[in-house]
N, C-alpha and C. Protein backbone atom coordinates (compact mmCIF):
# COMPACT_ATOMS: atom_id res chain seq x y z
N MET A 1 122.13 56.38 234.93
CA MET A 1 123.42 56.54 234.29
C MET A 1 123.18 56.89 232.82
N ARG A 2 124.01 57.78 232.29
CA ARG A 2 123.94 58.13 230.87
C ARG A 2 124.77 57.11 230.09
N VAL A 3 124.11 56.39 229.19
CA VAL A 3 124.76 55.29 228.47
C VAL A 3 124.76 55.59 226.98
N LEU A 4 125.93 55.57 226.38
CA LEU A 4 126.06 55.66 224.93
C LEU A 4 126.16 54.25 224.38
N VAL A 5 125.19 53.87 223.55
CA VAL A 5 125.21 52.56 222.89
C VAL A 5 125.70 52.78 221.47
N LEU A 6 126.81 52.16 221.11
CA LEU A 6 127.32 52.20 219.74
C LEU A 6 126.95 50.88 219.08
N TYR A 7 126.06 50.97 218.11
CA TYR A 7 125.55 49.78 217.42
C TYR A 7 126.02 49.79 215.98
N ALA A 8 126.59 48.66 215.53
CA ALA A 8 127.17 48.60 214.19
C ALA A 8 126.77 47.31 213.48
N HIS A 9 125.61 47.34 212.84
CA HIS A 9 125.20 46.23 211.96
C HIS A 9 124.20 46.79 210.95
N PRO A 10 124.37 46.44 209.67
CA PRO A 10 123.50 47.02 208.64
C PRO A 10 122.13 46.35 208.48
N CYS A 11 121.93 45.18 209.08
CA CYS A 11 120.70 44.42 208.83
C CYS A 11 119.82 44.34 210.07
N GLU A 12 118.59 44.82 209.93
CA GLU A 12 117.67 44.84 211.07
C GLU A 12 117.13 43.47 211.44
N ASP A 13 117.34 42.47 210.60
CA ASP A 13 116.85 41.12 210.90
C ASP A 13 117.95 40.18 211.41
N SER A 14 119.08 40.73 211.78
CA SER A 14 120.20 39.91 212.25
C SER A 14 120.07 39.60 213.74
N PHE A 15 120.82 38.63 214.21
CA PHE A 15 120.86 38.33 215.64
C PHE A 15 121.49 39.50 216.39
N VAL A 16 122.46 40.16 215.78
CA VAL A 16 123.07 41.33 216.43
C VAL A 16 122.03 42.42 216.63
N SER A 17 121.11 42.55 215.69
CA SER A 17 120.02 43.51 215.86
C SER A 17 119.15 43.13 217.05
N ALA A 18 118.88 41.84 217.23
CA ALA A 18 118.11 41.39 218.39
C ALA A 18 118.87 41.69 219.69
N LEU A 19 120.19 41.52 219.66
CA LEU A 19 121.01 41.86 220.82
C LEU A 19 120.92 43.35 221.12
N HIS A 20 120.99 44.16 220.06
CA HIS A 20 120.88 45.62 220.22
C HIS A 20 119.53 45.97 220.86
N ASP A 21 118.46 45.39 220.35
CA ASP A 21 117.13 45.66 220.91
C ASP A 21 117.08 45.27 222.39
N LYS A 22 117.65 44.13 222.74
CA LYS A 22 117.68 43.66 224.12
C LYS A 22 118.46 44.63 225.01
N VAL A 23 119.60 45.09 224.51
CA VAL A 23 120.43 46.03 225.26
C VAL A 23 119.67 47.34 225.53
N VAL A 24 119.13 47.94 224.49
CA VAL A 24 118.44 49.23 224.63
C VAL A 24 117.22 49.09 225.54
N ALA A 25 116.41 48.06 225.33
CA ALA A 25 115.22 47.86 226.17
C ALA A 25 115.61 47.63 227.63
N GLY A 26 116.64 46.82 227.85
CA GLY A 26 117.08 46.54 229.22
C GLY A 26 117.61 47.78 229.92
N LEU A 27 118.37 48.58 229.20
CA LEU A 27 118.90 49.81 229.79
C LEU A 27 117.78 50.77 230.15
N ARG A 28 116.84 50.94 229.24
CA ARG A 28 115.71 51.85 229.51
C ARG A 28 114.87 51.33 230.67
N ALA A 29 114.63 50.02 230.71
CA ALA A 29 113.85 49.44 231.81
C ALA A 29 114.56 49.64 233.15
N GLY A 30 115.88 49.69 233.11
CA GLY A 30 116.68 49.90 234.31
C GLY A 30 116.78 51.36 234.72
N GLY A 31 116.12 52.25 233.99
CA GLY A 31 116.11 53.67 234.33
C GLY A 31 117.28 54.47 233.81
N HIS A 32 118.08 53.88 232.94
CA HIS A 32 119.23 54.59 232.39
C HIS A 32 118.78 55.55 231.28
N GLU A 33 119.54 56.62 231.12
CA GLU A 33 119.34 57.54 230.01
C GLU A 33 120.16 57.00 228.84
N VAL A 34 119.49 56.59 227.76
CA VAL A 34 120.16 55.89 226.66
C VAL A 34 120.30 56.80 225.44
N ASP A 35 121.53 56.94 224.97
CA ASP A 35 121.82 57.58 223.70
C ASP A 35 122.14 56.44 222.73
N ASP A 36 121.17 56.07 221.92
CA ASP A 36 121.30 54.91 221.02
C ASP A 36 121.87 55.37 219.68
N CYS A 37 123.15 55.14 219.49
CA CYS A 37 123.85 55.58 218.28
C CYS A 37 123.97 54.40 217.31
N ASP A 38 123.03 54.34 216.36
CA ASP A 38 123.04 53.32 215.32
C ASP A 38 123.87 53.88 214.17
N LEU A 39 125.11 53.45 214.08
CA LEU A 39 126.06 54.05 213.12
C LEU A 39 125.59 53.93 211.68
N TYR A 40 124.95 52.81 211.32
CA TYR A 40 124.45 52.66 209.95
C TYR A 40 123.25 53.57 209.71
N ALA A 41 122.30 53.59 210.64
CA ALA A 41 121.10 54.43 210.46
C ALA A 41 121.48 55.91 210.40
N GLU A 42 122.51 56.30 211.16
CA GLU A 42 122.96 57.69 211.16
C GLU A 42 123.90 58.00 209.99
N GLU A 43 124.19 56.97 209.20
CA GLU A 43 125.09 57.10 208.05
C GLU A 43 126.42 57.74 208.45
N PHE A 44 126.98 57.23 209.55
CA PHE A 44 128.28 57.70 210.01
C PHE A 44 129.33 57.44 208.93
N GLU A 45 130.13 58.43 208.63
CA GLU A 45 131.20 58.31 207.64
C GLU A 45 132.45 57.79 208.35
N PRO A 46 132.85 56.54 208.09
CA PRO A 46 133.96 55.96 208.84
C PRO A 46 135.37 56.33 208.35
N VAL A 47 135.46 56.95 207.20
CA VAL A 47 136.78 57.20 206.62
C VAL A 47 137.40 58.47 207.19
N LEU A 48 138.56 58.33 207.79
CA LEU A 48 139.33 59.46 208.26
C LEU A 48 139.94 60.15 207.04
N SER A 49 139.54 61.38 206.81
CA SER A 49 139.99 62.08 205.60
C SER A 49 141.43 62.57 205.74
N ARG A 50 142.01 62.93 204.63
CA ARG A 50 143.37 63.47 204.62
C ARG A 50 143.44 64.73 205.49
N ALA A 51 142.45 65.60 205.33
CA ALA A 51 142.43 66.85 206.10
C ALA A 51 142.32 66.57 207.60
N GLU A 52 141.47 65.61 207.97
CA GLU A 52 141.32 65.27 209.39
C GLU A 52 142.64 64.74 209.96
N ARG A 53 143.33 63.92 209.18
CA ARG A 53 144.59 63.36 209.66
C ARG A 53 145.65 64.46 209.83
N GLN A 54 145.61 65.45 208.94
CA GLN A 54 146.61 66.51 209.02
C GLN A 54 146.46 67.37 210.27
N PHE A 55 145.23 67.54 210.78
CA PHE A 55 145.08 68.30 212.03
C PHE A 55 144.62 67.42 213.18
N TYR A 56 144.94 66.15 213.11
CA TYR A 56 144.58 65.16 214.12
C TYR A 56 145.05 65.55 215.52
N HIS A 57 146.25 66.10 215.63
CA HIS A 57 146.84 66.45 216.93
C HIS A 57 146.55 67.89 217.35
N GLU A 58 145.78 68.62 216.57
CA GLU A 58 145.48 70.02 216.88
C GLU A 58 144.19 70.10 217.70
N VAL A 59 144.37 70.06 219.02
CA VAL A 59 143.26 70.12 219.96
C VAL A 59 142.91 71.59 220.20
N PRO A 60 141.66 72.01 220.12
CA PRO A 60 140.42 71.28 219.92
C PRO A 60 139.93 71.29 218.47
N ALA A 61 140.71 71.83 217.54
CA ALA A 61 140.26 71.91 216.15
C ALA A 61 139.97 70.53 215.56
N ASN A 62 140.65 69.49 216.05
CA ASN A 62 140.47 68.14 215.52
C ASN A 62 139.04 67.61 215.71
N ARG A 63 138.28 68.20 216.63
CA ARG A 63 136.91 67.75 216.90
C ARG A 63 135.93 68.18 215.81
N GLY A 64 136.24 69.22 215.10
CA GLY A 64 135.31 69.86 214.18
C GLY A 64 134.43 68.94 213.36
N PRO A 65 135.00 68.07 212.55
CA PRO A 65 134.17 67.23 211.67
C PRO A 65 133.26 66.23 212.41
N VAL A 66 133.60 65.90 213.65
CA VAL A 66 132.82 64.90 214.41
C VAL A 66 132.36 65.46 215.75
N ALA A 67 132.19 66.77 215.83
CA ALA A 67 131.88 67.43 217.11
C ALA A 67 130.65 66.85 217.80
N ALA A 68 129.60 66.56 217.05
CA ALA A 68 128.38 66.03 217.66
C ALA A 68 128.63 64.66 218.30
N TYR A 69 129.44 63.83 217.65
CA TYR A 69 129.75 62.51 218.22
C TYR A 69 130.66 62.64 219.44
N VAL A 70 131.59 63.59 219.39
CA VAL A 70 132.46 63.83 220.55
C VAL A 70 131.62 64.24 221.74
N GLU A 71 130.66 65.13 221.54
CA GLU A 71 129.79 65.57 222.63
C GLU A 71 129.02 64.40 223.23
N ARG A 72 128.50 63.54 222.38
CA ARG A 72 127.76 62.38 222.87
C ARG A 72 128.67 61.46 223.69
N LEU A 73 129.88 61.24 223.21
CA LEU A 73 130.84 60.39 223.91
C LEU A 73 131.23 61.00 225.25
N GLU A 74 131.46 62.29 225.27
CA GLU A 74 131.89 62.94 226.51
C GLU A 74 130.77 63.02 227.56
N ARG A 75 129.53 62.97 227.14
CA ARG A 75 128.39 62.97 228.09
C ARG A 75 128.22 61.60 228.75
N ALA A 76 128.73 60.56 228.13
CA ALA A 76 128.46 59.19 228.59
C ALA A 76 129.16 58.86 229.90
N GLU A 77 128.43 58.10 230.72
CA GLU A 77 129.00 57.52 231.94
C GLU A 77 129.25 56.03 231.75
N ALA A 78 128.65 55.48 230.70
CA ALA A 78 128.86 54.08 230.33
C ALA A 78 128.85 53.99 228.81
N LEU A 79 129.62 53.05 228.30
CA LEU A 79 129.72 52.82 226.86
C LEU A 79 129.40 51.36 226.60
N VAL A 80 128.40 51.13 225.73
CA VAL A 80 128.02 49.76 225.37
C VAL A 80 128.19 49.61 223.86
N LEU A 81 129.00 48.65 223.46
CA LEU A 81 129.27 48.37 222.05
C LEU A 81 128.50 47.12 221.66
N VAL A 82 127.74 47.20 220.57
CA VAL A 82 127.00 46.04 220.07
C VAL A 82 127.38 45.90 218.60
N PHE A 83 128.04 44.79 218.27
CA PHE A 83 128.59 44.64 216.92
C PHE A 83 128.89 43.17 216.62
N PRO A 84 128.96 42.83 215.34
CA PRO A 84 129.45 41.51 214.96
C PRO A 84 130.96 41.58 214.74
N VAL A 85 131.62 40.46 214.91
CA VAL A 85 133.04 40.38 214.55
C VAL A 85 133.11 39.85 213.13
N TRP A 86 133.72 40.62 212.27
CA TRP A 86 133.89 40.24 210.87
C TRP A 86 135.38 40.16 210.57
N ASN A 87 135.81 39.04 210.02
CA ASN A 87 137.23 38.85 209.69
C ASN A 87 138.11 39.16 210.89
N PHE A 88 137.67 38.72 212.06
CA PHE A 88 138.38 38.89 213.32
C PHE A 88 138.67 40.36 213.64
N GLY A 89 137.72 41.22 213.28
CA GLY A 89 137.86 42.64 213.59
C GLY A 89 136.51 43.31 213.72
N PHE A 90 136.54 44.60 214.03
CA PHE A 90 135.33 45.39 214.10
C PHE A 90 134.79 45.61 212.69
N PRO A 91 133.48 45.79 212.54
CA PRO A 91 132.97 46.27 211.25
C PRO A 91 133.65 47.62 210.94
N ALA A 92 133.87 47.89 209.68
CA ALA A 92 134.59 49.11 209.28
C ALA A 92 133.97 50.37 209.86
N ILE A 93 132.65 50.41 209.95
CA ILE A 93 131.98 51.61 210.44
C ILE A 93 132.31 51.85 211.92
N LEU A 94 132.44 50.80 212.71
CA LEU A 94 132.80 50.95 214.11
C LEU A 94 134.28 51.30 214.25
N LYS A 95 135.12 50.65 213.47
CA LYS A 95 136.56 50.99 213.49
C LYS A 95 136.74 52.45 213.10
N GLY A 96 135.97 52.90 212.10
CA GLY A 96 136.03 54.30 211.69
C GLY A 96 135.59 55.25 212.78
N PHE A 97 134.62 54.84 213.59
CA PHE A 97 134.20 55.67 214.72
C PHE A 97 135.38 55.86 215.68
N PHE A 98 136.07 54.78 216.00
CA PHE A 98 137.23 54.91 216.87
C PHE A 98 138.31 55.78 216.23
N ASP A 99 138.57 55.60 214.94
CA ASP A 99 139.59 56.39 214.26
C ASP A 99 139.25 57.88 214.25
N ARG A 100 137.98 58.21 214.05
CA ARG A 100 137.59 59.61 213.88
C ARG A 100 137.14 60.31 215.16
N VAL A 101 136.64 59.57 216.14
CA VAL A 101 136.07 60.20 217.33
C VAL A 101 136.96 60.04 218.57
N PHE A 102 137.68 58.95 218.69
CA PHE A 102 138.60 58.76 219.81
C PHE A 102 139.89 59.51 219.50
N LEU A 103 139.83 60.81 219.67
CA LEU A 103 140.88 61.73 219.25
C LEU A 103 141.75 62.19 220.42
N PRO A 104 142.93 62.75 220.10
CA PRO A 104 143.68 63.43 221.15
C PRO A 104 142.82 64.56 221.72
N GLY A 105 142.81 64.68 223.04
CA GLY A 105 141.98 65.68 223.68
C GLY A 105 140.56 65.22 223.91
N VAL A 106 140.21 64.04 223.40
CA VAL A 106 138.88 63.47 223.61
C VAL A 106 139.02 62.18 224.41
N SER A 107 139.58 61.15 223.80
CA SER A 107 139.71 59.87 224.49
C SER A 107 141.08 59.70 225.15
N PHE A 108 142.04 60.50 224.74
CA PHE A 108 143.35 60.45 225.38
C PHE A 108 144.04 61.80 225.27
N ASP A 109 144.93 62.03 226.20
CA ASP A 109 145.79 63.21 226.18
C ASP A 109 147.22 62.72 226.05
N LEU A 110 148.02 63.46 225.34
CA LEU A 110 149.44 63.12 225.24
C LEU A 110 150.19 63.87 226.33
N VAL A 111 150.84 63.11 227.23
CA VAL A 111 151.60 63.68 228.33
C VAL A 111 153.03 63.17 228.19
N ASP A 112 153.94 64.07 227.86
CA ASP A 112 155.34 63.70 227.63
C ASP A 112 155.46 62.57 226.61
N GLY A 113 154.64 62.63 225.57
CA GLY A 113 154.68 61.65 224.50
C GLY A 113 153.92 60.36 224.79
N ASN A 114 153.36 60.23 225.98
CA ASN A 114 152.60 59.02 226.35
C ASN A 114 151.12 59.33 226.37
N ALA A 115 150.31 58.40 225.91
CA ALA A 115 148.86 58.56 225.90
C ALA A 115 148.30 58.26 227.29
N LYS A 116 147.42 59.15 227.75
CA LYS A 116 146.74 58.98 229.04
C LYS A 116 145.25 59.09 228.79
N GLY A 117 144.48 58.12 229.26
CA GLY A 117 143.04 58.10 229.05
C GLY A 117 142.38 59.39 229.50
N ALA A 118 141.44 59.89 228.69
CA ALA A 118 140.78 61.16 228.99
C ALA A 118 139.27 61.03 229.17
N LEU A 119 138.70 59.86 228.91
CA LEU A 119 137.25 59.68 229.07
C LEU A 119 136.95 59.21 230.49
N THR A 120 137.39 59.99 231.46
CA THR A 120 137.29 59.56 232.85
C THR A 120 135.86 59.56 233.39
N GLY A 121 134.93 60.15 232.66
CA GLY A 121 133.53 60.09 233.06
C GLY A 121 132.89 58.74 232.77
N VAL A 122 133.52 57.96 231.90
CA VAL A 122 133.00 56.62 231.56
C VAL A 122 133.50 55.63 232.60
N ARG A 123 132.53 55.05 233.35
CA ARG A 123 132.87 54.14 234.44
C ARG A 123 132.48 52.69 234.17
N ARG A 124 131.83 52.45 233.04
CA ARG A 124 131.43 51.10 232.66
C ARG A 124 131.59 50.95 231.15
N VAL A 125 132.13 49.82 230.74
CA VAL A 125 132.23 49.47 229.33
C VAL A 125 131.71 48.05 229.19
N LEU A 126 130.82 47.88 228.22
CA LEU A 126 130.29 46.54 227.93
C LEU A 126 130.30 46.35 226.43
N ALA A 127 130.87 45.25 225.99
CA ALA A 127 130.82 44.87 224.57
C ALA A 127 129.96 43.63 224.44
N VAL A 128 129.05 43.65 223.48
CA VAL A 128 128.17 42.52 223.18
C VAL A 128 128.37 42.20 221.71
N THR A 129 128.84 41.00 221.42
CA THR A 129 129.24 40.70 220.06
C THR A 129 129.00 39.24 219.67
N THR A 130 129.11 38.99 218.39
CA THR A 130 128.99 37.63 217.86
C THR A 130 130.18 37.34 216.95
N TYR A 131 130.54 36.06 216.88
CA TYR A 131 131.61 35.59 216.01
C TYR A 131 131.08 34.42 215.18
N GLY A 132 131.47 34.34 213.92
CA GLY A 132 131.17 33.15 213.14
C GLY A 132 132.05 32.00 213.58
N ALA A 133 133.25 32.30 214.03
CA ALA A 133 134.23 31.29 214.43
C ALA A 133 134.01 30.83 215.86
N THR A 134 134.64 29.71 216.19
CA THR A 134 134.63 29.22 217.56
C THR A 134 135.55 30.08 218.42
N ARG A 135 135.40 29.98 219.72
CA ARG A 135 136.29 30.73 220.61
C ARG A 135 137.73 30.26 220.45
N PHE A 136 137.92 28.96 220.24
CA PHE A 136 139.27 28.43 220.05
C PHE A 136 139.93 29.06 218.82
N ARG A 137 139.19 29.11 217.72
CA ARG A 137 139.76 29.70 216.49
C ARG A 137 140.05 31.19 216.69
N ALA A 138 139.15 31.89 217.37
CA ALA A 138 139.39 33.32 217.65
C ALA A 138 140.65 33.48 218.51
N ALA A 139 140.82 32.59 219.48
CA ALA A 139 142.00 32.65 220.34
C ALA A 139 143.28 32.39 219.55
N LEU A 140 143.20 31.49 218.57
CA LEU A 140 144.39 31.18 217.76
C LEU A 140 144.92 32.41 217.03
N VAL A 141 144.02 33.32 216.65
CA VAL A 141 144.46 34.52 215.94
C VAL A 141 144.61 35.71 216.89
N GLY A 142 144.48 35.45 218.20
CA GLY A 142 144.70 36.49 219.19
C GLY A 142 143.45 37.27 219.59
N ASP A 143 142.30 36.94 219.00
CA ASP A 143 141.02 37.60 219.32
C ASP A 143 141.17 39.12 219.37
N PRO A 144 141.53 39.74 218.23
CA PRO A 144 141.77 41.19 218.23
C PRO A 144 140.63 42.05 218.77
N PRO A 145 139.35 41.78 218.45
CA PRO A 145 138.31 42.67 219.01
C PRO A 145 138.26 42.64 220.54
N ARG A 146 138.40 41.46 221.11
CA ARG A 146 138.41 41.35 222.58
C ARG A 146 139.57 42.15 223.16
N ARG A 147 140.75 42.01 222.57
CA ARG A 147 141.92 42.75 223.06
C ARG A 147 141.72 44.25 222.93
N LEU A 148 141.14 44.69 221.80
CA LEU A 148 140.92 46.13 221.60
C LEU A 148 139.97 46.69 222.65
N VAL A 149 138.90 45.98 222.93
CA VAL A 149 137.95 46.46 223.94
C VAL A 149 138.58 46.41 225.33
N LYS A 150 139.16 45.27 225.69
CA LYS A 150 139.65 45.07 227.05
C LYS A 150 140.94 45.84 227.36
N ARG A 151 141.66 46.25 226.31
CA ARG A 151 142.92 46.97 226.55
C ARG A 151 142.87 48.42 226.05
N VAL A 152 142.54 48.60 224.78
CA VAL A 152 142.61 49.94 224.20
C VAL A 152 141.45 50.81 224.65
N VAL A 153 140.22 50.33 224.48
CA VAL A 153 139.06 51.11 224.93
C VAL A 153 139.13 51.27 226.44
N ARG A 154 139.44 50.21 227.13
CA ARG A 154 139.54 50.24 228.59
C ARG A 154 140.56 51.28 229.06
N ALA A 155 141.65 51.46 228.33
CA ALA A 155 142.68 52.43 228.72
C ALA A 155 142.22 53.88 228.52
N ALA A 156 141.18 54.10 227.73
CA ALA A 156 140.71 55.45 227.46
C ALA A 156 139.73 55.96 228.50
N VAL A 157 139.18 55.07 229.33
CA VAL A 157 138.12 55.46 230.26
C VAL A 157 138.69 55.59 231.68
N HIS A 158 137.80 55.78 232.65
CA HIS A 158 138.20 55.93 234.05
C HIS A 158 139.09 54.76 234.46
N PRO A 159 140.15 55.03 235.21
CA PRO A 159 141.09 53.95 235.58
C PRO A 159 140.46 52.78 236.33
N PHE A 160 139.36 53.02 237.04
CA PHE A 160 138.72 51.94 237.79
C PHE A 160 137.41 51.49 237.16
N ALA A 161 137.21 51.82 235.90
CA ALA A 161 135.99 51.42 235.20
C ALA A 161 135.91 49.90 235.08
N ARG A 162 134.69 49.39 235.16
CA ARG A 162 134.46 47.96 234.96
C ARG A 162 134.27 47.73 233.46
N CYS A 163 134.93 46.71 232.94
CA CYS A 163 134.87 46.42 231.50
C CYS A 163 134.52 44.95 231.32
N ARG A 164 133.41 44.69 230.59
CA ARG A 164 132.98 43.32 230.32
C ARG A 164 132.89 43.10 228.81
N TYR A 165 133.15 41.88 228.41
CA TYR A 165 133.11 41.50 227.00
C TYR A 165 132.30 40.21 226.89
N LEU A 166 131.13 40.31 226.28
CA LEU A 166 130.26 39.14 226.11
C LEU A 166 130.22 38.76 224.64
N ALA A 167 130.63 37.54 224.35
CA ALA A 167 130.70 37.10 222.97
C ALA A 167 129.95 35.79 222.78
N CYS A 168 129.18 35.74 221.71
CA CYS A 168 128.52 34.51 221.30
C CYS A 168 129.33 33.97 220.11
N TYR A 169 130.10 32.92 220.35
CA TYR A 169 130.97 32.35 219.33
C TYR A 169 130.23 31.30 218.51
N ASP A 170 130.83 30.94 217.39
CA ASP A 170 130.37 29.83 216.54
C ASP A 170 128.95 30.05 216.02
N MET A 171 128.65 31.29 215.60
CA MET A 171 127.33 31.60 215.07
C MET A 171 127.02 30.83 213.79
N ASN A 172 128.04 30.35 213.11
CA ASN A 172 127.81 29.58 211.88
C ASN A 172 127.10 28.26 212.16
N ARG A 173 127.19 27.79 213.42
CA ARG A 173 126.54 26.52 213.79
C ARG A 173 125.69 26.68 215.05
N THR A 174 125.15 27.85 215.25
CA THR A 174 124.39 28.09 216.47
C THR A 174 123.02 27.42 216.43
N THR A 175 122.39 27.38 217.58
CA THR A 175 121.04 26.83 217.69
C THR A 175 120.14 27.89 218.33
N PRO A 176 118.84 27.76 218.17
CA PRO A 176 117.94 28.70 218.85
C PRO A 176 118.15 28.71 220.37
N GLU A 177 118.46 27.58 220.95
CA GLU A 177 118.68 27.50 222.39
C GLU A 177 119.92 28.30 222.81
N ARG A 178 120.99 28.17 222.06
CA ARG A 178 122.22 28.94 222.37
C ARG A 178 121.97 30.43 222.23
N ARG A 179 121.25 30.83 221.18
CA ARG A 179 120.96 32.26 221.00
C ARG A 179 120.10 32.78 222.14
N ARG A 180 119.11 32.02 222.52
CA ARG A 180 118.23 32.41 223.63
C ARG A 180 119.04 32.54 224.93
N ALA A 181 119.92 31.59 225.18
CA ALA A 181 120.75 31.63 226.39
C ALA A 181 121.66 32.86 226.38
N PHE A 182 122.20 33.20 225.21
CA PHE A 182 123.06 34.37 225.13
C PHE A 182 122.26 35.65 225.36
N LEU A 183 121.05 35.73 224.82
CA LEU A 183 120.19 36.89 225.08
C LEU A 183 119.93 37.04 226.58
N GLU A 184 119.73 35.94 227.27
CA GLU A 184 119.53 35.99 228.72
C GLU A 184 120.78 36.47 229.44
N ARG A 185 121.93 36.02 228.96
CA ARG A 185 123.20 36.46 229.55
C ARG A 185 123.40 37.96 229.37
N VAL A 186 123.05 38.45 228.19
CA VAL A 186 123.14 39.90 227.91
C VAL A 186 122.18 40.66 228.81
N ASP A 187 120.97 40.16 228.95
CA ASP A 187 119.99 40.82 229.81
C ASP A 187 120.50 40.91 231.24
N ALA A 188 121.09 39.85 231.74
CA ALA A 188 121.64 39.85 233.10
C ALA A 188 122.78 40.86 233.24
N ALA A 189 123.62 40.97 232.23
CA ALA A 189 124.73 41.93 232.27
C ALA A 189 124.22 43.37 232.28
N ILE A 190 123.17 43.63 231.51
CA ILE A 190 122.58 44.97 231.46
C ILE A 190 122.01 45.34 232.82
N GLN A 191 121.41 44.39 233.49
CA GLN A 191 120.80 44.67 234.80
C GLN A 191 121.85 45.02 235.86
N THR A 192 123.09 44.61 235.65
CA THR A 192 124.14 44.92 236.62
C THR A 192 125.10 46.00 236.13
N LEU A 193 124.71 46.67 235.06
CA LEU A 193 125.58 47.72 234.51
C LEU A 193 125.71 48.82 235.54
């Protein structure tokens, strides 16, 4: 399977970096074709410019500034997101990827004013993430990243795509044992992708 991994963390010594390494190694060991998109290493520009917004609905011209990323996304049969949750949201660089690359004519088509998912080649979505907060605290604020992945990203892909969200909560008080257990859980999820 062709898998696009979107990785969003600036520090190579973070636990999220270890998760990213586990994901990529597991996918490759499983025989998948991996497109490892490290948004920080690639210096992805997350800001949607004024010009881009003005021709946002002009398909296919809207692809121009991010054409290479659109091609990578459209080739994917699976999408794996690896990121930390900061302030109960995506890191800005990942949010910017969605703003700039999940475009009309790419991730959705407008049909009679309604958005219809267009990434029908994507049949699997997996998010691997960490939170500083507990799951209870994340739930109190509605857990926006989980909702975005399970509803918004999920709506852009094949209607019968499998979507999983793996989160390691309470990183502010984690232990080596909990981190190790979560790495094992991620490895198991990758093996069944």
